[in-house]
Amino acid sequence: MKAQVNEKGQSIVEMALILPILALLLVVVIDAARTFDAYIVLTNAVREGARYASYYTNDEPIATVQDVQQLVVDDVLGSGTNLTRMELFTEDNVDVAGMVSHSTAVTVTAFYDLDLYFGGLVGLDQFHLQKHAVMPVSTE
């Protein structure tokens, strides 16, 4: 009987030592998943913006820079994800380059500073995400 009591105490001590490490791993995985989700949302939105900006008629873009910025913002905000709250994403986070006559490619760049839930534990409160997409101009 005495050996069983000592083994129970050993298990409690082992759990007390391992539990903080497991909890830290869990919160890192949560923030990593949120960051990956935001990266995917940003990637898709920038790609769609670049695709829309690349359509030209008579060597003139069919959309304005503001149209492309709004499309990217709408795509980010309407992504349907509830893992990352990106409601602070605005047109100021989107840059469009190359939308001029006789351009060969259009570049759309977007950035977002994602607030991490548990980043304070490791001294990183925000994670800077930046994505760009380049599309050749399509004249139809």
N, C-alpha and C. Protein backbone atom coordinates (compact mmCIF):
# COMPACT_ATOMS: atom_id res chain seq x y z
N MET A 1 0.80 -1.20 0.00
CA MET A 1 0.00 0.00 0.00
C MET A 1 0.86 1.27 0.00
N LYS A 2 1.94 1.24 0.70
CA LYS A 2 2.77 2.43 0.82
C LYS A 2 3.36 2.85 -0.53
N ALA A 3 3.68 1.92 -1.37
CA ALA A 3 4.25 2.24 -2.69
C ALA A 3 3.24 2.96 -3.57
N GLN A 4 1.97 2.62 -3.44
CA GLN A 4 0.94 3.28 -4.25
C GLN A 4 0.77 4.74 -3.84
N VAL A 5 0.85 5.04 -2.59
CA VAL A 5 0.71 6.42 -2.12
C VAL A 5 1.85 7.27 -2.65
N ASN A 6 3.05 6.78 -2.63
CA ASN A 6 4.20 7.52 -3.14
C ASN A 6 4.09 7.76 -4.64
N GLU A 7 3.56 6.80 -5.38
CA GLU A 7 3.41 6.95 -6.82
C GLU A 7 2.36 8.00 -7.15
N LYS A 8 1.30 8.09 -6.36
CA LYS A 8 0.30 9.13 -6.59
C LYS A 8 0.91 10.51 -6.39
N GLY A 9 1.72 10.67 -5.40
CA GLY A 9 2.38 11.95 -5.16
C GLY A 9 3.33 12.30 -6.29
N GLN A 10 4.00 11.31 -6.81
CA GLN A 10 4.92 11.53 -7.92
C GLN A 10 4.15 12.00 -9.15
N SER A 11 3.01 11.42 -9.42
CA SER A 11 2.20 11.82 -10.58
C SER A 11 1.73 13.26 -10.45
N ILE A 12 1.34 13.67 -9.26
CA ILE A 12 0.89 15.05 -9.05
C ILE A 12 2.04 16.02 -9.29
N VAL A 13 3.21 15.69 -8.80
CA VAL A 13 4.37 16.57 -8.99
C VAL A 13 4.74 16.64 -10.47
N GLU A 14 4.71 15.52 -11.16
CA GLU A 14 5.01 15.53 -12.60
C GLU A 14 4.01 16.38 -13.37
N MET A 15 2.73 16.26 -13.01
CA MET A 15 1.70 17.06 -13.68
C MET A 15 1.90 18.54 -13.39
N ALA A 16 2.25 18.87 -12.17
CA ALA A 16 2.48 20.28 -11.81
C ALA A 16 3.66 20.86 -12.57
N LEU A 17 4.64 20.04 -12.89
CA LEU A 17 5.79 20.52 -13.64
C LEU A 17 5.50 20.64 -15.14
N ILE A 18 4.69 19.75 -15.69
CA ILE A 18 4.42 19.70 -17.13
C ILE A 18 3.27 20.62 -17.54
N LEU A 19 2.30 20.85 -16.68
CA LEU A 19 1.11 21.62 -17.03
C LEU A 19 1.42 23.03 -17.55
N PRO A 20 2.31 23.81 -16.92
CA PRO A 20 2.60 25.14 -17.48
C PRO A 20 3.19 25.08 -18.90
N ILE A 21 4.00 24.07 -19.16
CA ILE A 21 4.59 23.93 -20.49
C ILE A 21 3.51 23.59 -21.51
N LEU A 22 2.61 22.70 -21.15
CA LEU A 22 1.52 22.34 -22.05
C LEU A 22 0.59 23.53 -22.29
N ALA A 23 0.33 24.31 -21.25
CA ALA A 23 -0.53 25.51 -21.41
C ALA A 23 0.13 26.53 -22.33
N LEU A 24 1.44 26.71 -22.19
CA LEU A 24 2.16 27.63 -23.07
C LEU A 24 2.11 27.15 -24.52
N LEU A 25 2.29 25.87 -24.74
CA LEU A 25 2.18 25.33 -26.09
C LEU A 25 0.79 25.55 -26.67
N LEU A 26 -0.23 25.40 -25.86
CA LEU A 26 -1.60 25.61 -26.32
C LEU A 26 -1.83 27.05 -26.76
N VAL A 27 -1.39 28.02 -25.97
CA VAL A 27 -1.62 29.41 -26.34
C VAL A 27 -0.79 29.80 -27.56
N VAL A 28 0.39 29.22 -27.72
CA VAL A 28 1.19 29.48 -28.93
C VAL A 28 0.47 28.94 -30.15
N VAL A 29 -0.11 27.76 -30.05
CA VAL A 29 -0.84 27.18 -31.17
C VAL A 29 -2.07 28.03 -31.52
N ILE A 30 -2.75 28.55 -30.52
CA ILE A 30 -3.93 29.40 -30.77
C ILE A 30 -3.53 30.65 -31.54
N ASP A 31 -2.50 31.35 -31.09
CA ASP A 31 -2.07 32.56 -31.79
C ASP A 31 -1.49 32.24 -33.17
N ALA A 32 -0.80 31.13 -33.30
CA ALA A 32 -0.26 30.74 -34.61
C ALA A 32 -1.39 30.45 -35.59
N ALA A 33 -2.44 29.81 -35.12
CA ALA A 33 -3.59 29.53 -35.99
C ALA A 33 -4.28 30.81 -36.42
N ARG A 34 -4.44 31.75 -35.50
CA ARG A 34 -5.05 33.04 -35.84
C ARG A 34 -4.19 33.80 -36.86
N THR A 35 -2.88 33.77 -36.67
CA THR A 35 -1.97 34.45 -37.60
C THR A 35 -2.03 33.81 -38.98
N PHE A 36 -2.05 32.49 -39.03
CA PHE A 36 -2.14 31.79 -40.31
C PHE A 36 -3.46 32.10 -41.00
N ASP A 37 -4.55 32.15 -40.24
CA ASP A 37 -5.85 32.48 -40.81
C ASP A 37 -5.84 33.90 -41.40
N ALA A 38 -5.29 34.85 -40.67
CA ALA A 38 -5.22 36.23 -41.17
C ALA A 38 -4.34 36.31 -42.42
N TYR A 39 -3.28 35.53 -42.46
CA TYR A 39 -2.39 35.50 -43.62
C TYR A 39 -3.14 34.97 -44.85
N ILE A 40 -3.92 33.93 -44.67
CA ILE A 40 -4.69 33.38 -45.79
C ILE A 40 -5.72 34.38 -46.28
N VAL A 41 -6.43 35.03 -45.36
CA VAL A 41 -7.43 36.04 -45.73
C VAL A 41 -6.76 37.18 -46.50
N LEU A 42 -5.63 37.65 -46.01
CA LEU A 42 -4.91 38.74 -46.67
C LEU A 42 -4.40 38.31 -48.05
N THR A 43 -3.91 37.10 -48.16
CA THR A 43 -3.43 36.58 -49.44
C THR A 43 -4.54 36.54 -50.48
N ASN A 44 -5.67 36.01 -50.11
CA ASN A 44 -6.80 35.92 -51.05
C ASN A 44 -7.31 37.30 -51.46
N ALA A 45 -7.41 38.21 -50.51
CA ALA A 45 -7.91 39.55 -50.81
C ALA A 45 -6.97 40.29 -51.76
N VAL A 46 -5.68 40.21 -51.52
CA VAL A 46 -4.71 40.90 -52.37
C VAL A 46 -4.70 40.30 -53.77
N ARG A 47 -4.82 38.99 -53.86
CA ARG A 47 -4.85 38.33 -55.17
C ARG A 47 -6.08 38.78 -55.96
N GLU A 48 -7.23 38.84 -55.30
CA GLU A 48 -8.45 39.29 -55.98
C GLU A 48 -8.33 40.76 -56.40
N GLY A 49 -7.75 41.58 -55.55
CA GLY A 49 -7.56 42.99 -55.90
C GLY A 49 -6.64 43.15 -57.10
N ALA A 50 -5.56 42.39 -57.13
CA ALA A 50 -4.63 42.47 -58.26
C ALA A 50 -5.29 41.97 -59.55
N ARG A 51 -6.08 40.92 -59.43
CA ARG A 51 -6.76 40.40 -60.61
C ARG A 51 -7.72 41.45 -61.17
N TYR A 52 -8.48 42.09 -60.28
CA TYR A 52 -9.44 43.12 -60.71
C TYR A 52 -8.71 44.32 -61.31
N ALA A 53 -7.59 44.70 -60.71
CA ALA A 53 -6.85 45.86 -61.19
C ALA A 53 -6.15 45.60 -62.53
N SER A 54 -5.98 44.34 -62.89
CA SER A 54 -5.22 44.03 -64.10
C SER A 54 -6.04 44.09 -65.38
N TYR A 55 -7.36 44.26 -65.28
CA TYR A 55 -8.19 44.32 -66.48
C TYR A 55 -8.15 45.73 -67.08
N TYR A 56 -7.77 45.80 -68.33
CA TYR A 56 -7.64 47.07 -69.04
C TYR A 56 -8.50 47.03 -70.30
N THR A 57 -8.99 48.19 -70.69
CA THR A 57 -9.69 48.36 -71.96
C THR A 57 -9.08 49.57 -72.65
N ASN A 58 -8.65 49.39 -73.88
CA ASN A 58 -8.01 50.46 -74.65
C ASN A 58 -6.84 51.08 -73.88
N ASP A 59 -6.00 50.23 -73.32
CA ASP A 59 -4.82 50.66 -72.55
C ASP A 59 -5.17 51.51 -71.34
N GLU A 60 -6.37 51.44 -70.84
CA GLU A 60 -6.77 52.16 -69.63
C GLU A 60 -7.38 51.16 -68.65
N PRO A 61 -7.07 51.28 -67.37
CA PRO A 61 -7.66 50.36 -66.40
C PRO A 61 -9.17 50.57 -66.29
N ILE A 62 -9.90 49.47 -66.08
CA ILE A 62 -11.36 49.59 -65.96
C ILE A 62 -11.77 50.03 -64.56
N ALA A 63 -10.85 49.98 -63.61
CA ALA A 63 -11.14 50.36 -62.22
C ALA A 63 -10.18 51.46 -61.78
N THR A 64 -10.56 52.15 -60.73
CA THR A 64 -9.68 53.15 -60.13
C THR A 64 -8.92 52.51 -58.97
N VAL A 65 -7.94 53.21 -58.49
CA VAL A 65 -7.17 52.73 -57.34
C VAL A 65 -8.11 52.57 -56.14
N GLN A 66 -9.02 53.52 -55.97
CA GLN A 66 -9.97 53.44 -54.84
C GLN A 66 -10.89 52.23 -54.97
N ASP A 67 -11.28 51.90 -56.21
CA ASP A 67 -12.11 50.70 -56.42
C ASP A 67 -11.37 49.44 -55.99
N VAL A 68 -10.11 49.36 -56.34
CA VAL A 68 -9.32 48.18 -56.00
C VAL A 68 -9.11 48.11 -54.48
N GLN A 69 -8.81 49.25 -53.87
CA GLN A 69 -8.64 49.27 -52.42
C GLN A 69 -9.92 48.83 -51.71
N GLN A 70 -11.04 49.33 -52.18
CA GLN A 70 -12.32 48.96 -51.56
C GLN A 70 -12.62 47.48 -51.76
N LEU A 71 -12.28 46.94 -52.92
CA LEU A 71 -12.48 45.51 -53.16
C LEU A 71 -11.67 44.67 -52.19
N VAL A 72 -10.41 45.04 -51.97
CA VAL A 72 -9.56 44.30 -51.04
C VAL A 72 -10.12 44.39 -49.62
N VAL A 73 -10.53 45.58 -49.21
CA VAL A 73 -11.11 45.76 -47.87
C VAL A 73 -12.38 44.93 -47.72
N ASP A 74 -13.25 44.99 -48.70
CA ASP A 74 -14.49 44.22 -48.64
C ASP A 74 -14.22 42.73 -48.59
N ASP A 75 -13.21 42.28 -49.32
CA ASP A 75 -12.87 40.86 -49.32
C ASP A 75 -12.33 40.43 -47.95
N VAL A 76 -11.52 41.27 -47.33
CA VAL A 76 -11.00 40.96 -46.00
C VAL A 76 -12.12 40.94 -44.97
N LEU A 77 -12.93 41.99 -44.97
CA LEU A 77 -13.99 42.09 -43.97
C LEU A 77 -15.10 41.08 -44.20
N GLY A 78 -15.30 40.66 -45.43
CA GLY A 78 -16.35 39.70 -45.74
C GLY A 78 -15.86 38.28 -45.86
N SER A 79 -14.68 38.00 -45.32
CA SER A 79 -14.09 36.67 -45.48
C SER A 79 -14.86 35.59 -44.74
N GLY A 80 -15.66 35.97 -43.78
CA GLY A 80 -16.44 34.98 -43.04
C GLY A 80 -15.67 34.33 -41.90
N THR A 81 -14.42 34.71 -41.72
CA THR A 81 -13.65 34.12 -40.63
C THR A 81 -14.04 34.77 -39.31
N ASN A 82 -14.13 34.00 -38.29
CA ASN A 82 -14.36 34.56 -36.96
C ASN A 82 -13.18 34.28 -36.05
N LEU A 83 -12.13 33.72 -36.62
CA LEU A 83 -10.94 33.43 -35.85
C LEU A 83 -10.11 34.70 -35.64
N THR A 84 -10.03 35.51 -36.66
CA THR A 84 -9.29 36.77 -36.57
C THR A 84 -10.25 37.93 -36.74
N ARG A 85 -10.13 38.87 -35.86
CA ARG A 85 -10.97 40.06 -35.96
C ARG A 85 -10.17 41.13 -36.70
N MET A 86 -10.49 41.33 -37.95
CA MET A 86 -9.76 42.29 -38.77
C MET A 86 -10.63 43.49 -39.11
N GLU A 87 -11.52 43.87 -38.20
CA GLU A 87 -12.44 44.96 -38.50
C GLU A 87 -11.74 46.32 -38.62
N LEU A 88 -10.49 46.42 -38.20
CA LEU A 88 -9.75 47.68 -38.32
C LEU A 88 -9.04 47.81 -39.66
N PHE A 89 -9.22 46.85 -40.54
CA PHE A 89 -8.60 46.87 -41.86
C PHE A 89 -9.32 47.88 -42.73
N THR A 90 -8.59 48.87 -43.28
CA THR A 90 -9.18 49.94 -44.09
C THR A 90 -8.39 50.11 -45.38
N GLU A 91 -8.83 51.07 -46.20
CA GLU A 91 -8.14 51.38 -47.45
C GLU A 91 -6.71 51.84 -47.22
N ASP A 92 -6.42 52.37 -46.03
CA ASP A 92 -5.07 52.82 -45.72
C ASP A 92 -4.09 51.65 -45.63
N ASN A 93 -4.61 50.45 -45.47
CA ASN A 93 -3.77 49.25 -45.39
C ASN A 93 -3.46 48.65 -46.76
N VAL A 94 -3.95 49.28 -47.84
CA VAL A 94 -3.81 48.72 -49.19
C VAL A 94 -3.09 49.73 -50.08
N ASP A 95 -2.08 49.25 -50.81
CA ASP A 95 -1.36 50.09 -51.76
C ASP A 95 -1.46 49.43 -53.14
N VAL A 96 -1.78 50.25 -54.14
CA VAL A 96 -1.92 49.75 -55.52
C VAL A 96 -0.91 50.49 -56.39
N ALA A 97 -0.12 49.74 -57.14
CA ALA A 97 0.89 50.35 -58.01
C ALA A 97 0.77 49.77 -59.42
N GLY A 98 1.06 50.59 -60.40
CA GLY A 98 1.11 50.12 -61.78
C GLY A 98 -0.18 50.31 -62.55
N MET A 99 -1.14 51.04 -62.01
CA MET A 99 -2.40 51.26 -62.74
C MET A 99 -2.31 52.53 -63.57
N VAL A 100 -1.46 52.47 -64.59
CA VAL A 100 -1.29 53.61 -65.50
C VAL A 100 -1.35 53.08 -66.93
N SER A 101 -1.53 53.98 -67.86
CA SER A 101 -1.55 53.58 -69.27
C SER A 101 -0.26 52.88 -69.66
N HIS A 102 -0.37 51.88 -70.51
CA HIS A 102 0.75 51.11 -71.04
C HIS A 102 1.54 50.38 -69.95
N SER A 103 0.90 50.08 -68.85
CA SER A 103 1.55 49.30 -67.79
C SER A 103 1.55 47.83 -68.18
N THR A 104 2.55 47.11 -67.76
CA THR A 104 2.61 45.68 -68.06
C THR A 104 2.15 44.81 -66.90
N ALA A 105 2.17 45.36 -65.69
CA ALA A 105 1.75 44.60 -64.51
C ALA A 105 1.23 45.54 -63.43
N VAL A 106 0.37 44.99 -62.61
CA VAL A 106 -0.21 45.73 -61.49
C VAL A 106 0.18 45.02 -60.20
N THR A 107 0.58 45.79 -59.19
CA THR A 107 0.96 45.23 -57.89
C THR A 107 0.03 45.77 -56.83
N VAL A 108 -0.54 44.88 -56.04
CA VAL A 108 -1.38 45.26 -54.90
C VAL A 108 -0.70 44.73 -53.65
N THR A 109 -0.49 45.62 -52.68
CA THR A 109 0.15 45.26 -51.42
C THR A 109 -0.77 45.63 -50.28
N ALA A 110 -0.89 44.75 -49.31
CA ALA A 110 -1.71 45.03 -48.13
C ALA A 110 -0.94 44.58 -46.90
N PHE A 111 -1.16 45.30 -45.81
CA PHE A 111 -0.53 44.93 -44.55
C PHE A 111 -1.55 45.04 -43.43
N TYR A 112 -1.27 44.32 -42.37
CA TYR A 112 -2.15 44.36 -41.20
C TYR A 112 -1.33 43.98 -39.97
N ASP A 113 -1.49 44.74 -38.90
CA ASP A 113 -0.84 44.42 -37.63
C ASP A 113 -1.84 43.66 -36.77
N LEU A 114 -1.65 42.38 -36.66
CA LEU A 114 -2.56 41.49 -35.93
C LEU A 114 -2.23 41.51 -34.45
N ASP A 115 -3.20 41.86 -33.63
CA ASP A 115 -3.03 41.81 -32.19
C ASP A 115 -3.08 40.36 -31.74
N LEU A 116 -2.06 39.93 -31.03
CA LEU A 116 -2.01 38.56 -30.54
C LEU A 116 -2.68 38.47 -29.18
N TYR A 117 -3.39 37.40 -28.93
CA TYR A 117 -4.05 37.20 -27.64
C TYR A 117 -3.03 37.00 -26.52
N PHE A 118 -2.06 36.15 -26.78
CA PHE A 118 -1.14 35.75 -25.73
C PHE A 118 0.30 36.16 -26.04
N GLY A 119 0.46 37.09 -26.95
CA GLY A 119 1.80 37.51 -27.34
C GLY A 119 2.57 38.18 -26.23
N GLY A 120 1.87 38.77 -25.28
CA GLY A 120 2.55 39.42 -24.15
C GLY A 120 3.38 38.45 -23.33
N LEU A 121 3.04 37.18 -23.40
CA LEU A 121 3.81 36.18 -22.65
C LEU A 121 5.23 36.06 -23.17
N VAL A 122 5.41 36.32 -24.45
CA VAL A 122 6.75 36.22 -25.04
C VAL A 122 7.26 37.57 -25.52
N GLY A 123 6.57 38.65 -25.19
CA GLY A 123 7.02 39.99 -25.53
C GLY A 123 6.69 40.43 -26.94
N LEU A 124 5.69 39.82 -27.57
CA LEU A 124 5.29 40.18 -28.94
C LEU A 124 3.79 40.45 -28.93
N ASP A 125 3.41 41.72 -28.84
CA ASP A 125 1.99 42.07 -28.76
C ASP A 125 1.29 42.02 -30.11
N GLN A 126 2.02 42.32 -31.17
CA GLN A 126 1.44 42.33 -32.51
C GLN A 126 2.35 41.58 -33.47
N PHE A 127 1.71 41.08 -34.53
CA PHE A 127 2.46 40.42 -35.59
C PHE A 127 2.14 41.16 -36.88
N HIS A 128 3.17 41.65 -37.57
CA HIS A 128 2.98 42.42 -38.80
C HIS A 128 2.87 41.47 -39.99
N LEU A 129 1.72 41.50 -40.64
CA LEU A 129 1.50 40.69 -41.84
C LEU A 129 1.53 41.60 -43.05
N GLN A 130 2.22 41.20 -44.08
CA GLN A 130 2.24 41.96 -45.32
C GLN A 130 2.24 40.99 -46.49
N LYS A 131 1.41 41.29 -47.46
CA LYS A 131 1.28 40.40 -48.62
C LYS A 131 1.14 41.25 -49.86
N HIS A 132 1.74 40.82 -50.96
CA HIS A 132 1.55 41.52 -52.22
C HIS A 132 1.32 40.51 -53.33
N ALA A 133 0.62 40.98 -54.35
CA ALA A 133 0.34 40.15 -55.52
C ALA A 133 0.60 40.98 -56.76
N VAL A 134 1.19 40.35 -57.75
CA VAL A 134 1.49 41.00 -59.03
C VAL A 134 0.76 40.23 -60.12
N MET A 135 0.00 40.98 -60.93
CA MET A 135 -0.73 40.38 -62.04
C MET A 135 -0.36 41.12 -63.33
N PRO A 136 -0.11 40.38 -64.40
CA PRO A 136 0.13 41.05 -65.68
C PRO A 136 -1.16 41.69 -66.17
N VAL A 137 -1.01 42.78 -66.87
CA VAL A 137 -2.16 43.51 -67.39
C VAL A 137 -2.83 42.68 -68.50
N SER A 138 -4.14 42.58 -68.42
CA SER A 138 -4.91 41.83 -69.41
C SER A 138 -5.76 42.82 -70.21
N THR A 139 -5.45 42.97 -71.47
CA THR A 139 -6.21 43.87 -72.32
C THR A 139 -7.21 43.06 -73.13
N GLU A 140 -8.46 43.30 -72.88
CA GLU A 140 -9.53 42.58 -73.59
C GLU A 140 -10.48 43.54 -74.23
